[in-house]
């Protein structure tokens, strides 16, 4: 599998180089120009700080959002009252883009770290809630009935049947939420930040430094890919019993 990853990345860079030369208008700089921009950004001294700031915000918001979402999803799927009370609100807020709330957060909390982490938490909360909820609904009823026949109470059924059966759904929701976290973070940093990769995009656009914009975009892509691979590894380890192709 690693060989396929390396091959597709190499092919992507080759196509990028060809397209850059065909376009030739400065909007798509070739890889070597972006590589020089990487070195320039690193030598400025703030590039690593921008990476650390963005990763810290994404990680914190992601952990808070997913951790809060899981019990909500279980309550919606397992309890009738949870479904009736919580699902309408979840579905209502799920249709509202998290980015639309950024101005309200900035007005209410200023431009510090809290509103950025808050908007990421909201963006990651909703996909994980829905995934967890659907995971509980899709638990095989035969397993639940068999556990009841064997004398298991509701608490035991929930721990031994519902939670393991829902885990693949939860982890898929977490992977979706991770992408939402990065997309929301960049937008938040474009509006109100003095550090981070989104801020680097904003600053570079202000001075028409197109290669530096690509530096930020590529960095976000590779960090996001690495974090997604980490979550996928947890998925495989935690659901080793699940059949795979």
C-alpha atoms as a PDB file:
ATOM      1  CA  UNK A   1       0.000   0.000   0.000  1.00  0.00           C
ATOM      2  CA  UNK A   2       2.879   2.371   0.776  1.00  0.00           C
ATOM      3  CA  UNK A   3       4.192   1.910  -2.753  1.00  0.00           C
ATOM      4  CA  UNK A   4       0.820   3.030  -4.140  1.00  0.00           C
ATOM      5  CA  UNK A   5       0.876   6.119  -1.926  1.00  0.00           C
ATOM      6  CA  UNK A   6       4.368   7.053  -3.088  1.00  0.00           C
ATOM      7  CA  UNK A   7       3.461   6.435  -6.725  1.00  0.00           C
ATOM      8  CA  UNK A   8       0.304   8.546  -6.629  1.00  0.00           C
ATOM      9  CA  UNK A   9       2.101  11.429  -4.887  1.00  0.00           C
ATOM     10  CA  UNK A  10       4.896  11.313  -7.485  1.00  0.00           C
ATOM     11  CA  UNK A  11       2.301  11.264 -10.285  1.00  0.00           C
ATOM     12  CA  UNK A  12       0.510  14.214  -8.706  1.00  0.00           C
ATOM     13  CA  UNK A  13       3.692  16.283  -8.581  1.00  0.00           C
ATOM     14  CA  UNK A  14       4.493  15.376 -12.207  1.00  0.00           C
ATOM     15  CA  UNK A  15       1.043  16.501 -13.378  1.00  0.00           C
ATOM     16  CA  UNK A  16       1.383  19.655 -11.299  1.00  0.00           C
ATOM     17  CA  UNK A  17       4.687  20.489 -12.972  1.00  0.00           C
ATOM     18  CA  UNK A  18       3.222  19.960 -16.438  1.00  0.00           C
ATOM     19  CA  UNK A  19       0.114  22.039 -15.728  1.00  0.00           C
ATOM     20  CA  UNK A  20       2.191  24.856 -14.222  1.00  0.00           C
ATOM     21  CA  UNK A  21       4.171  25.142 -17.430  1.00  0.00           C
ATOM     22  CA  UNK A  22       1.057  24.994 -19.590  1.00  0.00           C
ATOM     23  CA  UNK A  23      -0.800  27.653 -17.586  1.00  0.00           C
ATOM     24  CA  UNK A  24       2.236  29.878 -17.185  1.00  0.00           C
ATOM     25  CA  UNK A  25       0.415  32.893 -15.704  1.00  0.00           C
ATOM     26  CA  UNK A  26       1.743  32.804 -12.160  1.00  0.00           C
ATOM     27  CA  UNK A  27      -1.476  31.436 -10.661  1.00  0.00           C
ATOM     28  CA  UNK A  28      -0.039  27.920 -10.608  1.00  0.00           C
ATOM     29  CA  UNK A  29       3.636  28.049  -9.641  1.00  0.00           C
ATOM     30  CA  UNK A  30       5.744  24.971 -10.463  1.00  0.00           C
ATOM     31  CA  UNK A  31       6.892  22.623  -7.670  1.00  0.00           C
ATOM     32  CA  UNK A  32      10.435  23.991  -7.580  1.00  0.00           C
ATOM     33  CA  UNK A  33       9.130  27.532  -6.993  1.00  0.00           C
ATOM     34  CA  UNK A  34       6.942  26.315  -4.142  1.00  0.00           C
ATOM     35  CA  UNK A  35       9.911  24.392  -2.729  1.00  0.00           C
ATOM     36  CA  UNK A  36      11.897  27.639  -2.609  1.00  0.00           C
ATOM     37  CA  UNK A  37       8.917  29.293  -0.917  1.00  0.00           C
ATOM     38  CA  UNK A  38       8.937  26.511   1.702  1.00  0.00           C
ATOM     39  CA  UNK A  39      12.559  27.311   2.456  1.00  0.00           C
ATOM     40  CA  UNK A  40      11.839  31.042   2.547  1.00  0.00           C
ATOM     41  CA  UNK A  41       8.919  30.600   4.954  1.00  0.00           C
ATOM     42  CA  UNK A  42      11.008  28.366   7.187  1.00  0.00           C
ATOM     43  CA  UNK A  43      13.821  30.900   7.269  1.00  0.00           C
ATOM     44  CA  UNK A  44      11.397  33.652   8.281  1.00  0.00           C
ATOM     45  CA  UNK A  45      11.072  31.823  11.582  1.00  0.00           C
ATOM     46  CA  UNK A  46       7.277  31.911  11.990  1.00  0.00           C
ATOM     47  CA  UNK A  47       6.386  28.937   9.788  1.00  0.00           C
ATOM     48  CA  UNK A  48       6.845  26.273  12.471  1.00  0.00           C
ATOM     49  CA  UNK A  49       4.924  28.437  14.936  1.00  0.00           C
ATOM     50  CA  UNK A  50       2.064  28.690  12.422  1.00  0.00           C
ATOM     51  CA  UNK A  51       1.994  24.906  12.028  1.00  0.00           C
ATOM     52  CA  UNK A  52       2.019  24.342  15.786  1.00  0.00           C
ATOM     53  CA  UNK A  53      -0.762  26.894  16.321  1.00  0.00           C
ATOM     54  CA  UNK A  54      -3.031  25.312  13.706  1.00  0.00           C
ATOM     55  CA  UNK A  55      -2.387  21.726  14.824  1.00  0.00           C
ATOM     56  CA  UNK A  56      -3.030  22.699  18.448  1.00  0.00           C
ATOM     57  CA  UNK A  57      -6.354  24.343  17.579  1.00  0.00           C
ATOM     58  CA  UNK A  58      -7.509  21.470  15.387  1.00  0.00           C
ATOM     59  CA  UNK A  59      -6.506  18.805  17.898  1.00  0.00           C
ATOM     60  CA  UNK A  60      -8.157  20.537  20.834  1.00  0.00           C
ATOM     61  CA  UNK A  61     -11.360  21.345  18.958  1.00  0.00           C
ATOM     62  CA  UNK A  62     -11.491  17.857  17.440  1.00  0.00           C
ATOM     63  CA  UNK A  63     -11.058  16.085  20.785  1.00  0.00           C
ATOM     64  CA  UNK A  64     -13.646  18.284  22.515  1.00  0.00           C
ATOM     65  CA  UNK A  65     -16.184  17.971  19.696  1.00  0.00           C
ATOM     66  CA  UNK A  66     -15.884  14.206  19.246  1.00  0.00           C
ATOM     67  CA  UNK A  67     -15.819  13.506  22.982  1.00  0.00           C
ATOM     68  CA  UNK A  68     -19.000  15.528  23.501  1.00  0.00           C
ATOM     69  CA  UNK A  69     -20.707  14.040  20.435  1.00  0.00           C
ATOM     70  CA  UNK A  70     -20.427  10.364  21.339  1.00  0.00           C
ATOM     71  CA  UNK A  71     -22.696  10.396  24.436  1.00  0.00           C
ATOM     72  CA  UNK A  72     -25.199  12.587  22.564  1.00  0.00           C
ATOM     73  CA  UNK A  73     -25.290  10.088  19.700  1.00  0.00           C
ATOM     74  CA  UNK A  74     -25.713   7.153  22.073  1.00  0.00           C
ATOM     75  CA  UNK A  75     -28.537   8.941  23.899  1.00  0.00           C
ATOM     76  CA  UNK A  76     -30.318   9.644  20.621  1.00  0.00           C
ATOM     77  CA  UNK A  77     -29.982   6.089  19.373  1.00  0.00           C
ATOM     78  CA  UNK A  78     -30.545   4.114  22.567  1.00  0.00           C
ATOM     79  CA  UNK A  79     -33.230   6.113  24.380  1.00  0.00           C
ATOM     80  CA  UNK A  80     -36.567   7.095  22.877  1.00  0.00           C
ATOM     81  CA  UNK A  81     -36.589  10.304  24.929  1.00  0.00           C
ATOM     82  CA  UNK A  82     -33.108  11.152  23.645  1.00  0.00           C
ATOM     83  CA  UNK A  83     -34.244  10.727  20.075  1.00  0.00           C
ATOM     84  CA  UNK A  84     -37.298  12.888  20.624  1.00  0.00           C
ATOM     85  CA  UNK A  85     -35.553  15.666  22.526  1.00  0.00           C
ATOM     86  CA  UNK A  86     -32.142  15.854  20.833  1.00  0.00           C
ATOM     87  CA  UNK A  87     -32.516  14.760  17.224  1.00  0.00           C
ATOM     88  CA  UNK A  88     -34.560  17.788  16.040  1.00  0.00           C
ATOM     89  CA  UNK A  89     -31.938  20.163  17.430  1.00  0.00           C
ATOM     90  CA  UNK A  90     -29.051  18.204  15.979  1.00  0.00           C
ATOM     91  CA  UNK A  91     -30.667  18.100  12.544  1.00  0.00           C
ATOM     92  CA  UNK A  92     -31.525  21.805  12.792  1.00  0.00           C
ATOM     93  CA  UNK A  93     -27.987  22.907  13.614  1.00  0.00           C
ATOM     94  CA  UNK A  94     -26.491  20.429  11.152  1.00  0.00           C
ATOM     95  CA  UNK A  95     -27.950  22.474   8.301  1.00  0.00           C
ATOM     96  CA  UNK A  96     -26.295  25.664   9.567  1.00  0.00           C
ATOM     97  CA  UNK A  97     -22.684  26.044   8.363  1.00  0.00           C
ATOM     98  CA  UNK A  98     -20.287  26.318  11.283  1.00  0.00           C
ATOM     99  CA  UNK A  99     -18.559  29.143   9.400  1.00  0.00           C
ATOM    100  CA  UNK A 100     -21.734  31.236   9.645  1.00  0.00           C
ATOM    101  CA  UNK A 101     -21.271  31.304  13.416  1.00  0.00           C
ATOM    102  CA  UNK A 102     -17.712  32.672  13.326  1.00  0.00           C
ATOM    103  CA  UNK A 103     -18.755  36.366  13.321  1.00  0.00           C
ATOM    104  CA  UNK A 104     -20.997  35.731  16.337  1.00  0.00           C
ATOM    105  CA  UNK A 105     -18.178  34.004  18.194  1.00  0.00           C
ATOM    106  CA  UNK A 106     -15.798  36.857  17.414  1.00  0.00           C
ATOM    107  CA  UNK A 107     -18.334  39.436  18.645  1.00  0.00           C
ATOM    108  CA  UNK A 108     -19.039  37.437  21.804  1.00  0.00           C
ATOM    109  CA  UNK A 109     -15.551  36.196  22.696  1.00  0.00           C
ATOM    110  CA  UNK A 110     -13.092  38.385  20.777  1.00  0.00           C
ATOM    111  CA  UNK A 111     -10.296  37.102  18.550  1.00  0.00           C
ATOM    112  CA  UNK A 112      -8.478  34.911  21.062  1.00  0.00           C
ATOM    113  CA  UNK A 113      -8.075  31.146  21.001  1.00  0.00           C
ATOM    114  CA  UNK A 114     -11.447  30.258  22.511  1.00  0.00           C
ATOM    115  CA  UNK A 115     -13.699  31.207  19.545  1.00  0.00           C
ATOM    116  CA  UNK A 116     -11.429  29.330  17.121  1.00  0.00           C
ATOM    117  CA  UNK A 117     -11.506  26.162  19.220  1.00  0.00           C
ATOM    118  CA  UNK A 118     -15.248  26.584  19.775  1.00  0.00           C
ATOM    119  CA  UNK A 119     -16.106  26.773  16.076  1.00  0.00           C
ATOM    120  CA  UNK A 120     -13.933  23.702  15.387  1.00  0.00           C
ATOM    121  CA  UNK A 121     -15.638  21.829  18.215  1.00  0.00           C
ATOM    122  CA  UNK A 122     -19.064  22.621  16.753  1.00  0.00           C
ATOM    123  CA  UNK A 123     -17.953  21.567  13.260  1.00  0.00           C
ATOM    124  CA  UNK A 124     -16.633  18.222  14.546  1.00  0.00           C
ATOM    125  CA  UNK A 125     -19.487  17.613  16.966  1.00  0.00           C
ATOM    126  CA  UNK A 126     -22.297  17.299  14.437  1.00  0.00           C
ATOM    127  CA  UNK A 127     -20.888  14.663  12.015  1.00  0.00           C
ATOM    128  CA  UNK A 128     -19.837  12.464  14.926  1.00  0.00           C
ATOM    129  CA  UNK A 129     -23.244  12.774  16.599  1.00  0.00           C
ATOM    130  CA  UNK A 130     -25.016  11.665  13.424  1.00  0.00           C
ATOM    131  CA  UNK A 131     -22.551   8.806  12.820  1.00  0.00           C
ATOM    132  CA  UNK A 132     -22.885   7.540  16.396  1.00  0.00           C
ATOM    133  CA  UNK A 133     -26.667   7.803  16.256  1.00  0.00           C
ATOM    134  CA  UNK A 134     -26.788   5.850  13.001  1.00  0.00           C
ATOM    135  CA  UNK A 135     -24.395   3.271  14.417  1.00  0.00           C
ATOM    136  CA  UNK A 136     -26.750   2.573  17.327  1.00  0.00           C
ATOM    137  CA  UNK A 137     -29.756   2.331  15.000  1.00  0.00           C
ATOM    138  CA  UNK A 138     -27.932  -0.162  12.769  1.00  0.00           C
ATOM    139  CA  UNK A 139     -27.055  -2.584  15.577  1.00  0.00           C
ATOM    140  CA  UNK A 140     -28.339  -6.015  14.623  1.00  0.00           C
ATOM    141  CA  UNK A 141     -31.558  -6.624  16.559  1.00  0.00           C
ATOM    142  CA  UNK A 142     -30.801 -10.334  16.599  1.00  0.00           C
ATOM    143  CA  UNK A 143     -27.740  -9.689  18.750  1.00  0.00           C
ATOM    144  CA  UNK A 144     -29.756  -7.619  21.218  1.00  0.00           C
ATOM    145  CA  UNK A 145     -32.502 -10.248  21.437  1.00  0.00           C
ATOM    146  CA  UNK A 146     -29.958 -13.030  21.886  1.00  0.00           C
ATOM    147  CA  UNK A 147     -28.330 -11.117  24.727  1.00  0.00           C
ATOM    148  CA  UNK A 148     -31.707 -10.644  26.407  1.00  0.00           C
ATOM    149  CA  UNK A 149     -32.458 -14.365  26.109  1.00  0.00           C
ATOM    150  CA  UNK A 150     -29.146 -15.084  27.824  1.00  0.00           C
ATOM    151  CA  UNK A 151     -30.199 -12.856  30.731  1.00  0.00           C
ATOM    152  CA  UNK A 152     -28.310  -9.649  29.963  1.00  0.00           C
ATOM    153  CA  UNK A 153     -29.817  -6.420  31.264  1.00  0.00           C
ATOM    154  CA  UNK A 154     -29.944  -3.158  29.344  1.00  0.00           C
ATOM    155  CA  UNK A 155     -26.638  -1.907  30.773  1.00  0.00           C
ATOM    156  CA  UNK A 156     -24.800  -5.081  29.785  1.00  0.00           C
ATOM    157  CA  UNK A 157     -26.365  -5.076  26.320  1.00  0.00           C
ATOM    158  CA  UNK A 158     -25.328  -1.472  25.832  1.00  0.00           C
ATOM    159  CA  UNK A 159     -21.715  -2.107  26.899  1.00  0.00           C
ATOM    160  CA  UNK A 160     -21.209  -5.493  25.254  1.00  0.00           C
ATOM    161  CA  UNK A 161     -23.337  -5.203  22.107  1.00  0.00           C
ATOM    162  CA  UNK A 162     -24.287  -1.645  21.229  1.00  0.00           C
ATOM    163  CA  UNK A 163     -20.958   0.092  21.872  1.00  0.00           C
ATOM    164  CA  UNK A 164     -18.773  -2.421  19.943  1.00  0.00           C
ATOM    165  CA  UNK A 165     -21.249  -2.579  17.050  1.00  0.00           C
ATOM    166  CA  UNK A 166     -21.390   1.234  16.846  1.00  0.00           C
ATOM    167  CA  UNK A 167     -17.621   1.734  17.000  1.00  0.00           C
ATOM    168  CA  UNK A 168     -16.987   1.520  13.221  1.00  0.00           C
ATOM    169  CA  UNK A 169     -19.623   4.214  12.631  1.00  0.00           C
ATOM    170  CA  UNK A 170     -18.132   6.432  15.354  1.00  0.00           C
ATOM    171  CA  UNK A 171     -14.638   6.231  13.895  1.00  0.00           C
ATOM    172  CA  UNK A 172     -15.873   6.952  10.375  1.00  0.00           C
ATOM    173  CA  UNK A 173     -17.673   9.980  11.797  1.00  0.00           C
ATOM    174  CA  UNK A 174     -14.439  11.024  13.502  1.00  0.00           C
ATOM    175  CA  UNK A 175     -12.569  10.893  10.190  1.00  0.00           C
ATOM    176  CA  UNK A 176     -15.234  13.039   8.534  1.00  0.00           C
ATOM    177  CA  UNK A 177     -15.085  15.431  11.485  1.00  0.00           C
ATOM    178  CA  UNK A 178     -11.327  15.762  11.125  1.00  0.00           C
ATOM    179  CA  UNK A 179     -11.722  17.114   7.597  1.00  0.00           C
ATOM    180  CA  UNK A 180     -14.408  19.504   8.822  1.00  0.00           C
ATOM    181  CA  UNK A 181     -12.077  20.634  11.599  1.00  0.00           C
ATOM    182  CA  UNK A 182      -9.317  21.651   9.184  1.00  0.00           C
ATOM    183  CA  UNK A 183     -11.702  23.402   6.794  1.00  0.00           C
ATOM    184  CA  UNK A 184     -13.279  25.343   9.631  1.00  0.00           C
ATOM    185  CA  UNK A 185      -9.935  26.220  11.200  1.00  0.00           C
ATOM    186  CA  UNK A 186      -8.544  27.794   8.043  1.00  0.00           C
ATOM    187  CA  UNK A 187     -11.688  29.901   7.646  1.00  0.00           C
ATOM    188  CA  UNK A 188     -11.494  30.978  11.301  1.00  0.00           C
ATOM    189  CA  UNK A 189      -7.835  31.937  10.931  1.00  0.00           C
ATOM    190  CA  UNK A 190      -8.572  33.885   7.778  1.00  0.00           C
ATOM    191  CA  UNK A 191     -11.014  36.049   9.706  1.00  0.00           C
ATOM    192  CA  UNK A 192      -9.448  36.481  13.114  1.00  0.00           C
ATOM    193  CA  UNK A 193      -5.923  35.263  13.806  1.00  0.00           C
ATOM    194  CA  UNK A 194      -2.361  36.473  14.027  1.00  0.00           C
ATOM    195  CA  UNK A 195      -0.834  33.013  13.614  1.00  0.00           C
ATOM    196  CA  UNK A 196      -1.617  29.712  11.940  1.00  0.00           C
ATOM    197  CA  UNK A 197      -1.666  28.323   8.429  1.00  0.00           C
ATOM    198  CA  UNK A 198      -4.900  30.132   7.596  1.00  0.00           C
ATOM    199  CA  UNK A 199      -3.249  33.368   8.638  1.00  0.00           C
ATOM    200  CA  UNK A 200      -0.319  32.483   6.364  1.00  0.00           C
ATOM    201  CA  UNK A 201      -2.763  32.149   3.450  1.00  0.00           C
ATOM    202  CA  UNK A 202      -4.283  35.538   4.277  1.00  0.00           C
ATOM    203  CA  UNK A 203      -0.927  37.280   4.634  1.00  0.00           C
ATOM    204  CA  UNK A 204       0.414  35.729   1.426  1.00  0.00           C
ATOM    205  CA  UNK A 205      -2.693  36.742  -0.535  1.00  0.00           C
ATOM    206  CA  UNK A 206      -2.371  40.295   0.749  1.00  0.00           C
ATOM    207  CA  UNK A 207       1.129  40.556  -0.752  1.00  0.00           C
ATOM    208  CA  UNK A 208       0.344  38.430  -3.836  1.00  0.00           C
ATOM    209  CA  UNK A 209       2.779  35.737  -2.732  1.00  0.00           C
ATOM    210  CA  UNK A 210       1.148  32.866  -4.603  1.00  0.00           C
ATOM    211  CA  UNK A 211       3.916  30.294  -3.877  1.00  0.00           C
ATOM    212  CA  UNK A 212       3.495  30.917  -0.139  1.00  0.00           C
ATOM    213  CA  UNK A 213      -0.241  30.287  -0.473  1.00  0.00           C
ATOM    214  CA  UNK A 214       0.624  26.902  -1.959  1.00  0.00           C
ATOM    215  CA  UNK A 215       3.043  26.314   0.912  1.00  0.00           C
ATOM    216  CA  UNK A 216       0.195  26.695   3.394  1.00  0.00           C
ATOM    217  CA  UNK A 217      -2.227  24.607   1.305  1.00  0.00           C
ATOM    218  CA  UNK A 218       0.226  21.747   0.846  1.00  0.00           C
ATOM    219  CA  UNK A 219       1.203  21.805   4.513  1.00  0.00           C
ATOM    220  CA  UNK A 220      -2.448  21.607   5.559  1.00  0.00           C
ATOM    221  CA  UNK A 221      -2.996  18.733   3.139  1.00  0.00           C
ATOM    222  CA  UNK A 222      -0.079  16.658   4.373  1.00  0.00           C
ATOM    223  CA  UNK A 223      -0.794  17.279   8.065  1.00  0.00           C
ATOM    224  CA  UNK A 224      -4.460  16.458   7.504  1.00  0.00           C
ATOM    225  CA  UNK A 225      -3.472  13.291   5.654  1.00  0.00           C
ATOM    226  CA  UNK A 226      -1.162  12.239   8.495  1.00  0.00           C
ATOM    227  CA  UNK A 227      -3.863  12.826  11.099  1.00  0.00           C
ATOM    228  CA  UNK A 228      -6.413  10.934   9.006  1.00  0.00           C
ATOM    229  CA  UNK A 229      -4.008   7.986   8.705  1.00  0.00           C
ATOM    230  CA  UNK A 230      -3.623   8.019  12.488  1.00  0.00           C
ATOM    231  CA  UNK A 231      -7.399   7.868  12.987  1.00  0.00           C
ATOM    232  CA  UNK A 232      -7.650   5.142  10.320  1.00  0.00           C
ATOM    233  CA  UNK A 233      -4.998   3.127  12.189  1.00  0.00           C
ATOM    234  CA  UNK A 234      -7.030   3.435  15.394  1.00  0.00           C
ATOM    235  CA  UNK A 235     -10.062   2.323  13.381  1.00  0.00           C
ATOM    236  CA  UNK A 236      -8.316  -0.823  12.158  1.00  0.00           C
ATOM    237  CA  UNK A 237      -6.932  -1.695  15.594  1.00  0.00           C
ATOM    238  CA  UNK A 238     -10.211  -1.061  17.410  1.00  0.00           C
ATOM    239  CA  UNK A 239     -12.338  -2.981  14.902  1.00  0.00           C
ATOM    240  CA  UNK A 240      -9.951  -5.830  14.084  1.00  0.00           C
ATOM    241  CA  UNK A 241     -12.910  -8.234  14.347  1.00  0.00           C
ATOM    242  CA  UNK A 242     -14.661  -6.571  11.412  1.00  0.00           C
ATOM    243  CA  UNK A 243     -14.404  -8.234   8.002  1.00  0.00           C
ATOM    244  CA  UNK A 244     -12.511  -6.180   5.410  1.00  0.00           C
ATOM    245  CA  UNK A 245     -11.837  -6.441   1.739  1.00  0.00           C
END
